[in-house]
N, C-alpha and C. Protein backbone atom coordinates (compact mmCIF):
# COMPACT_ATOMS: atom_id res chain seq x y z
N MET A 1 0.90 -1.10 -0.03
CA MET A 1 0.05 0.00 -0.03
C MET A 1 0.89 1.17 0.00
N PRO A 2 0.51 2.32 -0.80
CA PRO A 2 1.28 3.48 -0.85
C PRO A 2 1.36 4.20 0.56
N PRO A 3 2.52 4.73 0.87
CA PRO A 3 2.64 5.38 2.21
C PRO A 3 1.62 6.43 2.37
N VAL A 4 1.30 7.17 1.23
CA VAL A 4 0.17 8.34 1.33
C VAL A 4 -1.09 7.67 1.84
N THR A 5 -1.47 6.56 1.41
CA THR A 5 -2.73 5.90 1.72
C THR A 5 -2.68 5.80 3.08
N ILE A 6 -1.58 5.11 3.76
CA ILE A 6 -1.62 4.77 5.13
C ILE A 6 -1.55 5.95 5.98
N TRP A 7 -1.00 7.15 5.52
CA TRP A 7 -0.91 8.29 6.34
C TRP A 7 -2.38 8.94 6.33
N VAL A 8 -3.02 8.95 5.07
CA VAL A 8 -4.39 9.48 5.07
C VAL A 8 -5.36 8.67 6.05
N TYR A 9 -5.20 7.32 5.99
CA TYR A 9 -5.96 6.56 6.99
C TYR A 9 -5.68 7.02 8.49
N ARG A 10 -4.28 7.17 8.79
CA ARG A 10 -4.08 7.30 10.10
C ARG A 10 -4.43 8.75 10.57
N ILE A 11 -4.27 9.77 9.79
CA ILE A 11 -4.61 11.03 10.15
C ILE A 11 -6.16 11.19 10.35
N VAL A 12 -6.92 10.62 9.37
CA VAL A 12 -8.39 10.72 9.66
C VAL A 12 -8.74 10.03 10.72
N ARG A 13 -8.24 8.80 10.99
CA ARG A 13 -8.62 7.94 12.07
C ARG A 13 -8.27 8.68 13.43
N TRP A 14 -6.90 9.17 13.52
CA TRP A 14 -6.66 9.93 14.62
C TRP A 14 -7.43 11.13 14.95
N SER A 15 -7.79 11.94 13.74
CA SER A 15 -8.67 13.11 13.92
C SER A 15 -10.04 12.74 14.67
N LEU A 16 -10.55 11.81 14.11
CA LEU A 16 -11.96 11.41 14.70
C LEU A 16 -11.83 10.85 16.09
N GLY A 17 -10.80 10.11 16.32
CA GLY A 17 -10.53 9.51 17.66
C GLY A 17 -10.27 10.70 18.81
N VAL A 18 -9.44 11.57 18.40
CA VAL A 18 -9.14 12.82 19.27
C VAL A 18 -10.51 13.56 19.68
N VAL A 19 -11.33 13.94 18.50
CA VAL A 19 -12.56 14.61 18.68
C VAL A 19 -13.48 13.77 19.54
N PHE A 20 -13.62 12.60 19.36
CA PHE A 20 -14.44 11.83 20.30
C PHE A 20 -14.05 11.62 21.58
N THR A 21 -12.72 11.54 21.90
CA THR A 21 -12.23 11.32 23.18
C THR A 21 -12.41 12.64 23.86
N TYR A 22 -12.12 13.61 23.10
CA TYR A 22 -12.20 15.13 23.78
C TYR A 22 -13.63 15.39 24.20
N ALA A 23 -14.53 15.17 23.38
CA ALA A 23 -16.03 15.37 23.58
C ALA A 23 -16.43 14.59 24.63
N GLY A 24 -16.06 13.36 24.79
CA GLY A 24 -16.48 12.50 26.04
C GLY A 24 -15.89 12.86 27.20
N LEU A 25 -14.53 13.43 27.26
CA LEU A 25 -14.06 13.83 28.41
C LEU A 25 -14.40 15.05 29.05
N THR A 26 -14.95 16.06 28.02
CA THR A 26 -15.55 17.26 28.64
C THR A 26 -16.93 17.11 29.10
N LYS A 27 -17.58 16.05 28.70
CA LYS A 27 -18.87 15.67 29.31
C LYS A 27 -18.82 14.86 30.55
N ILE A 28 -17.88 14.05 30.74
CA ILE A 28 -17.82 13.21 31.85
C ILE A 28 -17.33 13.92 33.04
N LEU A 29 -16.74 15.09 32.82
CA LEU A 29 -16.31 15.89 34.05
C LEU A 29 -17.47 16.63 34.85
N HIS A 30 -18.43 16.74 34.02
CA HIS A 30 -19.78 17.47 34.52
C HIS A 30 -20.93 16.78 33.88
N PRO A 31 -21.10 15.52 34.36
CA PRO A 31 -22.43 14.78 33.66
C PRO A 31 -23.72 15.43 34.09
N GLU A 32 -23.85 16.04 35.31
CA GLU A 32 -25.24 16.64 35.60
C GLU A 32 -25.50 17.79 34.67
N ARG A 33 -24.34 18.58 34.11
CA ARG A 33 -24.61 19.57 33.15
C ARG A 33 -25.05 18.97 31.79
N PHE A 34 -24.36 17.88 31.56
CA PHE A 34 -24.67 17.32 30.20
C PHE A 34 -25.98 16.68 30.31
N ALA A 35 -26.47 16.15 31.48
CA ALA A 35 -27.86 15.63 31.48
C ALA A 35 -28.74 16.79 31.27
N THR A 36 -28.52 18.03 31.67
CA THR A 36 -29.45 19.07 31.59
C THR A 36 -29.52 19.31 29.91
N LEU A 37 -28.28 19.36 29.27
CA LEU A 37 -28.40 19.55 27.86
C LEU A 37 -29.17 18.52 27.01
N ILE A 38 -29.07 17.34 27.62
CA ILE A 38 -29.79 16.26 26.87
C ILE A 38 -31.32 16.56 27.24
N GLU A 39 -31.70 16.84 28.44
CA GLU A 39 -32.85 17.24 28.77
C GLU A 39 -33.69 18.24 27.89
N ALA A 40 -32.94 19.21 27.52
CA ALA A 40 -33.46 20.25 26.52
C ALA A 40 -34.08 19.72 25.13
N TYR A 41 -33.75 18.65 24.87
CA TYR A 41 -34.22 17.90 23.65
C TYR A 41 -35.66 17.24 23.89
N GLY A 42 -35.79 16.97 25.15
CA GLY A 42 -37.28 16.48 25.43
C GLY A 42 -37.46 14.88 25.07
N LEU A 43 -36.50 14.18 24.78
CA LEU A 43 -36.62 12.81 24.28
C LEU A 43 -36.57 11.75 25.27
N LEU A 44 -35.96 12.04 26.58
CA LEU A 44 -35.87 11.14 27.49
C LEU A 44 -36.54 11.46 28.94
N PRO A 45 -37.10 10.39 29.49
CA PRO A 45 -37.76 10.70 30.94
C PRO A 45 -36.62 11.11 31.92
N ASP A 46 -37.12 11.90 32.78
CA ASP A 46 -35.86 12.44 33.86
C ASP A 46 -35.00 11.27 34.44
N VAL A 47 -35.64 10.19 34.74
CA VAL A 47 -34.92 9.06 35.40
C VAL A 47 -33.80 8.58 34.57
N LEU A 48 -33.86 8.76 33.29
CA LEU A 48 -32.64 8.28 32.33
C LEU A 48 -31.63 9.33 31.97
N LEU A 49 -32.01 10.47 32.36
CA LEU A 49 -31.09 11.47 31.94
C LEU A 49 -29.67 11.43 32.41
N MET A 50 -29.64 11.19 33.64
CA MET A 50 -28.06 11.01 34.15
C MET A 50 -27.37 9.78 33.73
N PRO A 51 -28.00 8.49 33.77
CA PRO A 51 -27.36 7.29 33.16
C PRO A 51 -27.06 7.44 31.70
N VAL A 52 -27.98 8.06 30.84
CA VAL A 52 -27.49 8.40 29.45
C VAL A 52 -26.28 9.28 29.35
N ALA A 53 -26.24 10.27 30.17
CA ALA A 53 -25.30 11.30 30.18
C ALA A 53 -23.89 10.77 30.40
N VAL A 54 -23.98 9.81 31.41
CA VAL A 54 -22.60 9.20 31.80
C VAL A 54 -22.33 8.11 30.79
N LEU A 55 -23.19 7.20 30.40
CA LEU A 55 -22.94 6.19 29.30
C LEU A 55 -22.57 6.62 28.01
N LEU A 56 -23.20 7.71 27.57
CA LEU A 56 -22.75 8.46 26.31
C LEU A 56 -21.37 8.98 26.47
N SER A 57 -21.05 9.67 27.56
CA SER A 57 -19.80 10.09 27.64
C SER A 57 -18.55 8.93 27.54
N LEU A 58 -18.98 7.94 28.37
CA LEU A 58 -17.92 6.90 28.54
C LEU A 58 -17.84 6.22 27.04
N LEU A 59 -18.94 6.06 26.40
CA LEU A 59 -18.88 5.49 25.09
C LEU A 59 -17.96 6.42 24.01
N GLU A 60 -18.25 7.70 24.23
CA GLU A 60 -17.36 8.60 23.35
C GLU A 60 -15.79 8.35 23.63
N ILE A 61 -15.54 8.35 24.98
CA ILE A 61 -14.15 8.25 25.32
C ILE A 61 -13.62 7.00 24.87
N PHE A 62 -14.32 5.76 25.14
CA PHE A 62 -13.83 4.55 24.71
C PHE A 62 -13.71 4.35 23.26
N ALA A 63 -14.74 4.86 22.49
CA ALA A 63 -14.90 4.62 21.04
C ALA A 63 -13.57 5.54 20.43
N GLY A 64 -13.39 6.78 20.92
CA GLY A 64 -12.28 7.67 20.44
C GLY A 64 -11.00 6.96 20.75
N ALA A 65 -10.67 6.55 21.98
CA ALA A 65 -9.48 5.95 22.18
C ALA A 65 -9.32 4.81 21.45
N GLY A 66 -10.39 3.84 21.17
CA GLY A 66 -10.27 2.70 20.43
C GLY A 66 -9.88 3.05 18.89
N LEU A 67 -10.41 4.24 18.45
CA LEU A 67 -10.14 4.66 17.06
C LEU A 67 -8.72 5.01 16.90
N ILE A 68 -8.23 5.89 18.01
CA ILE A 68 -6.85 6.23 17.89
C ILE A 68 -5.94 4.90 17.92
N LEU A 69 -6.24 3.98 18.51
CA LEU A 69 -5.51 2.70 18.60
C LEU A 69 -5.90 1.76 17.55
N ASP A 70 -6.82 2.06 16.87
CA ASP A 70 -7.41 1.27 15.57
C ASP A 70 -7.85 -0.15 16.22
N ILE A 71 -8.71 -0.21 17.15
CA ILE A 71 -9.28 -1.34 17.73
C ILE A 71 -10.47 -1.70 16.90
N LYS A 72 -10.65 -3.03 16.68
CA LYS A 72 -12.04 -3.36 16.07
C LYS A 72 -13.12 -2.90 16.76
N GLY A 73 -14.20 -2.55 15.90
CA GLY A 73 -15.31 -2.29 16.62
C GLY A 73 -15.51 -0.64 16.85
N SER A 74 -14.35 -0.04 17.04
CA SER A 74 -14.58 1.42 17.51
C SER A 74 -14.93 2.26 16.31
N LEU A 75 -14.72 2.02 15.09
CA LEU A 75 -15.14 2.61 13.92
C LEU A 75 -16.60 2.63 13.86
N SER A 76 -17.00 1.32 14.01
CA SER A 76 -18.53 1.04 13.87
C SER A 76 -19.36 1.78 15.04
N LEU A 77 -18.68 1.89 16.21
CA LEU A 77 -19.32 2.59 17.47
C LEU A 77 -19.32 3.88 17.15
N VAL A 78 -18.35 4.62 16.60
CA VAL A 78 -18.29 6.00 16.34
C VAL A 78 -19.31 6.29 15.17
N SER A 79 -19.34 5.70 14.20
CA SER A 79 -20.37 5.84 12.99
C SER A 79 -21.82 5.58 13.48
N GLY A 80 -22.00 4.61 14.42
CA GLY A 80 -23.27 4.50 15.09
C GLY A 80 -23.69 5.68 15.87
N MET A 81 -22.76 6.25 16.66
CA MET A 81 -23.06 7.37 17.50
C MET A 81 -23.22 8.66 16.59
N LEU A 82 -22.52 8.79 15.61
CA LEU A 82 -22.70 9.91 14.68
C LEU A 82 -24.15 9.90 14.00
N ILE A 83 -24.61 8.65 13.58
CA ILE A 83 -26.06 8.56 13.01
C ILE A 83 -26.87 8.95 14.14
N LEU A 84 -26.67 8.46 15.34
CA LEU A 84 -27.65 8.82 16.29
C LEU A 84 -27.75 10.41 16.60
N PHE A 85 -26.47 10.94 16.71
CA PHE A 85 -26.37 12.47 16.93
C PHE A 85 -27.13 13.18 15.71
N ILE A 86 -26.82 12.77 14.62
CA ILE A 86 -27.39 13.36 13.54
C ILE A 86 -28.97 13.28 13.46
N ALA A 87 -29.48 12.18 13.85
CA ALA A 87 -30.83 11.87 14.20
C ALA A 87 -31.38 12.86 15.21
N VAL A 88 -30.80 13.04 16.25
CA VAL A 88 -31.19 13.82 17.29
C VAL A 88 -31.16 15.32 16.95
N LEU A 89 -30.07 15.78 16.37
CA LEU A 89 -30.02 17.08 15.74
C LEU A 89 -31.07 17.47 14.79
N ALA A 90 -31.29 16.53 13.81
CA ALA A 90 -32.38 16.84 13.09
C ALA A 90 -33.78 16.86 13.66
N TYR A 91 -33.96 16.00 14.73
CA TYR A 91 -35.23 16.25 15.40
C TYR A 91 -35.24 17.61 16.17
N GLY A 92 -34.12 18.07 16.71
CA GLY A 92 -34.12 19.36 17.35
C GLY A 92 -34.36 20.47 16.36
N ILE A 93 -33.71 20.32 15.12
CA ILE A 93 -33.90 21.34 14.03
C ILE A 93 -35.59 21.30 13.65
N GLY A 94 -36.00 20.11 13.42
CA GLY A 94 -37.49 19.85 13.10
C GLY A 94 -38.43 20.53 14.26
N MET A 95 -38.09 20.38 15.48
CA MET A 95 -38.90 20.82 16.48
C MET A 95 -38.74 22.51 16.73
N GLY A 96 -37.58 23.04 15.96
CA GLY A 96 -37.46 24.46 16.13
C GLY A 96 -36.64 24.82 17.24
N LEU A 97 -36.10 23.89 17.94
CA LEU A 97 -35.22 24.11 19.29
C LEU A 97 -34.21 25.09 18.88
N ASP A 98 -33.93 26.05 19.78
CA ASP A 98 -32.76 26.95 19.76
C ASP A 98 -31.89 26.61 21.03
N ILE A 99 -31.20 25.53 21.04
CA ILE A 99 -30.37 25.08 22.11
C ILE A 99 -29.05 24.69 21.85
N ASP A 100 -28.23 24.62 22.81
CA ASP A 100 -26.86 24.14 22.75
C ASP A 100 -26.98 22.72 22.25
N CYS A 101 -26.20 22.30 21.36
CA CYS A 101 -26.30 20.85 20.79
C CYS A 101 -25.62 19.86 21.83
N GLY A 102 -24.82 20.40 22.61
CA GLY A 102 -24.45 19.56 23.84
C GLY A 102 -23.10 18.64 23.26
N CYS A 103 -22.73 18.99 22.16
CA CYS A 103 -21.62 18.25 21.51
C CYS A 103 -20.26 18.12 22.37
N PHE A 104 -19.88 19.19 22.84
CA PHE A 104 -18.66 19.15 23.56
C PHE A 104 -18.92 19.44 25.03
N GLY A 105 -20.13 19.13 25.56
CA GLY A 105 -20.32 19.40 26.95
C GLY A 105 -20.68 20.75 27.27
N PRO A 106 -20.83 21.07 28.59
CA PRO A 106 -21.19 22.30 29.09
C PRO A 106 -20.06 23.48 28.80
N GLY A 107 -20.27 24.77 28.61
CA GLY A 107 -19.13 25.55 28.39
C GLY A 107 -18.59 25.46 27.09
N ASP A 108 -19.12 24.82 26.07
CA ASP A 108 -18.60 24.55 24.75
C ASP A 108 -18.56 25.88 24.07
N PRO A 109 -17.19 26.23 23.69
CA PRO A 109 -16.95 27.37 22.90
C PRO A 109 -17.57 27.38 21.83
N GLU A 110 -17.85 26.38 20.98
CA GLU A 110 -18.46 26.39 19.75
C GLU A 110 -19.96 26.76 19.95
N ALA A 111 -20.54 26.25 21.06
CA ALA A 111 -21.98 26.51 21.38
C ALA A 111 -22.15 28.08 21.50
N GLU A 112 -21.18 28.66 22.17
CA GLU A 112 -21.40 30.09 22.37
C GLU A 112 -21.28 30.92 21.18
N ALA A 113 -20.35 30.40 20.31
CA ALA A 113 -19.92 31.15 18.94
C ALA A 113 -21.05 31.00 18.01
N PHE A 114 -21.61 29.69 17.89
CA PHE A 114 -22.66 29.50 17.02
C PHE A 114 -24.14 29.36 17.35
N ARG A 115 -24.27 28.62 18.67
CA ARG A 115 -25.43 28.15 19.28
C ARG A 115 -26.48 27.79 18.19
N GLY A 116 -26.25 26.84 17.42
CA GLY A 116 -27.04 26.40 16.43
C GLY A 116 -26.90 24.86 16.27
N LEU A 117 -28.06 24.32 15.85
CA LEU A 117 -27.92 22.90 15.60
C LEU A 117 -27.51 22.45 14.03
N ARG A 118 -27.78 23.60 13.28
CA ARG A 118 -27.32 23.17 11.90
C ARG A 118 -25.86 23.18 11.75
N GLU A 119 -25.12 23.90 12.42
CA GLU A 119 -23.64 23.97 12.18
C GLU A 119 -23.18 22.47 12.82
N ALA A 120 -23.86 22.18 13.87
CA ALA A 120 -23.50 20.76 14.52
C ALA A 120 -23.86 19.68 13.68
N ILE A 121 -25.01 19.72 12.99
CA ILE A 121 -25.38 18.61 12.09
C ILE A 121 -24.49 18.43 10.91
N LEU A 122 -24.00 19.56 10.49
CA LEU A 122 -23.03 19.71 9.28
C LEU A 122 -21.63 19.02 9.68
N ARG A 123 -21.29 19.55 10.95
CA ARG A 123 -20.03 19.08 11.33
C ARG A 123 -20.11 17.38 11.56
N ASP A 124 -21.28 16.90 12.04
CA ASP A 124 -21.35 15.43 12.14
C ASP A 124 -21.52 14.66 10.91
N VAL A 125 -22.16 15.40 9.90
CA VAL A 125 -22.14 14.67 8.41
C VAL A 125 -20.72 14.74 7.98
N VAL A 126 -20.00 15.68 8.14
CA VAL A 126 -18.42 15.71 7.68
C VAL A 126 -17.73 14.46 8.42
N MET A 127 -17.99 14.43 9.71
CA MET A 127 -17.34 13.31 10.54
C MET A 127 -17.84 12.04 10.13
N LEU A 128 -19.06 11.83 9.70
CA LEU A 128 -19.63 10.65 9.26
C LEU A 128 -18.97 10.15 8.02
N THR A 129 -18.80 11.22 7.04
CA THR A 129 -18.07 11.03 5.68
C THR A 129 -16.68 10.57 5.99
N MET A 130 -16.03 11.14 6.97
CA MET A 130 -14.48 10.71 7.18
C MET A 130 -14.52 9.15 7.76
N ALA A 131 -15.63 8.82 8.54
CA ALA A 131 -15.78 7.43 8.87
C ALA A 131 -16.09 6.51 7.74
N LEU A 132 -16.75 7.05 6.74
CA LEU A 132 -17.05 6.12 5.63
C LEU A 132 -15.83 6.05 4.79
N LEU A 133 -15.04 7.02 4.75
CA LEU A 133 -13.54 6.88 4.17
C LEU A 133 -12.79 5.75 4.75
N LEU A 134 -12.72 5.87 6.02
CA LEU A 134 -12.08 4.88 6.75
C LEU A 134 -12.55 3.52 6.49
N PHE A 135 -13.70 3.34 6.51
CA PHE A 135 -14.29 1.91 6.11
C PHE A 135 -13.92 1.49 4.64
N THR A 136 -13.96 2.57 3.77
CA THR A 136 -13.57 2.36 2.36
C THR A 136 -12.26 1.93 2.21
N LEU A 137 -11.22 2.65 2.84
CA LEU A 137 -9.84 2.30 2.91
C LEU A 137 -9.57 0.87 3.58
N ARG A 138 -10.33 0.57 4.55
CA ARG A 138 -10.06 -0.71 5.04
C ARG A 138 -10.48 -1.89 4.26
N ARG A 139 -11.50 -1.61 3.44
CA ARG A 139 -12.05 -2.62 2.45
C ARG A 139 -11.13 -2.64 1.22
N THR A 140 -10.82 -1.61 0.65
CA THR A 140 -10.06 -1.51 -0.53
C THR A 140 -8.70 -1.74 -0.41
N LYS A 141 -8.06 -1.33 0.64
CA LYS A 141 -6.64 -1.44 0.78
C LYS A 141 -6.34 -2.64 1.96
N GLU A 142 -7.29 -3.27 2.38
CA GLU A 142 -7.15 -4.35 3.18
C GLU A 142 -6.33 -4.06 4.51
N ILE A 143 -6.79 -2.91 5.06
CA ILE A 143 -6.30 -2.51 6.34
C ILE A 143 -7.04 -3.20 7.41
N ARG A 144 -6.60 -3.86 8.42
CA ARG A 144 -7.15 -4.49 9.42
C ARG A 144 -6.95 -3.98 10.73
N PRO A 145 -7.97 -3.50 11.44
CA PRO A 145 -7.74 -3.22 12.87
C PRO A 145 -7.50 -4.25 13.79
N ILE A 146 -6.85 -3.96 14.94
CA ILE A 146 -6.38 -4.99 15.80
C ILE A 146 -7.51 -5.20 16.76
N GLY A 147 -7.50 -6.66 17.02
CA GLY A 147 -8.70 -6.99 17.95
C GLY A 147 -8.27 -6.62 19.42
N LEU A 148 -9.22 -6.46 20.30
CA LEU A 148 -8.96 -5.85 21.59
C LEU A 148 -8.06 -7.09 22.26
N THR A 149 -8.45 -8.23 22.07
CA THR A 149 -7.54 -9.47 22.77
C THR A 149 -6.17 -9.40 22.33
N GLU A 150 -5.87 -9.01 21.04
CA GLU A 150 -4.50 -8.94 20.48
C GLU A 150 -3.72 -7.92 21.12
N LEU A 151 -4.55 -6.79 21.26
CA LEU A 151 -3.78 -5.58 22.07
C LEU A 151 -3.43 -5.85 23.49
N VAL A 152 -4.28 -6.61 24.18
CA VAL A 152 -4.11 -7.00 25.62
C VAL A 152 -3.11 -8.12 25.70
N VAL A 153 -3.10 -8.96 25.19
CA VAL A 153 -2.26 -10.25 25.27
C VAL A 153 -1.13 -10.26 24.32
N GLY A 154 -1.02 -9.55 23.34
CA GLY A 154 -0.16 -9.57 22.12
C GLY A 154 -0.55 -10.34 21.13
N LYS A 155 0.11 -10.10 19.98
CA LYS A 155 -0.30 -10.82 18.77
C LYS A 155 0.48 -12.19 18.70
N ASN A 156 -0.35 -13.33 18.47
CA ASN A 156 0.13 -14.62 18.34
C ASN A 156 0.76 -14.81 16.93
N LYS A 157 1.97 -15.30 16.98
CA LYS A 157 2.56 -15.47 15.77
C LYS A 157 2.59 -17.05 15.19
């Protein structure tokens, strides 16, 4: 495989991984504030707000770190979350909500600068396109992510 291809794969993968890890870390530091952002969408009962806030933050951290390390399943998890985020943002736009997207937790500088769901959905579509590029490179260039077991116990030869 040409060196340029592997570097494109790495840079795109690392970029997505860093964004997801950062987003999850900013939210897990203040899960109660993130739960309040989730509540603004009106999609979940109050009893689920805090568990979803914590779980979603942890999933973002693990998926992002997994993508940085190129662990099997992490790209699928990131893609699934992006599809979920796009659907929730589209719902918010459809409902006419004027709220912080909650993408990078409370105190998100992007939310203060734009305060719009349309910018957030566009960013998520770009990231989903990046994920699709990674899937395509894996398939066409036969790039294989490492299994979690292989990472922990080492690769058997």
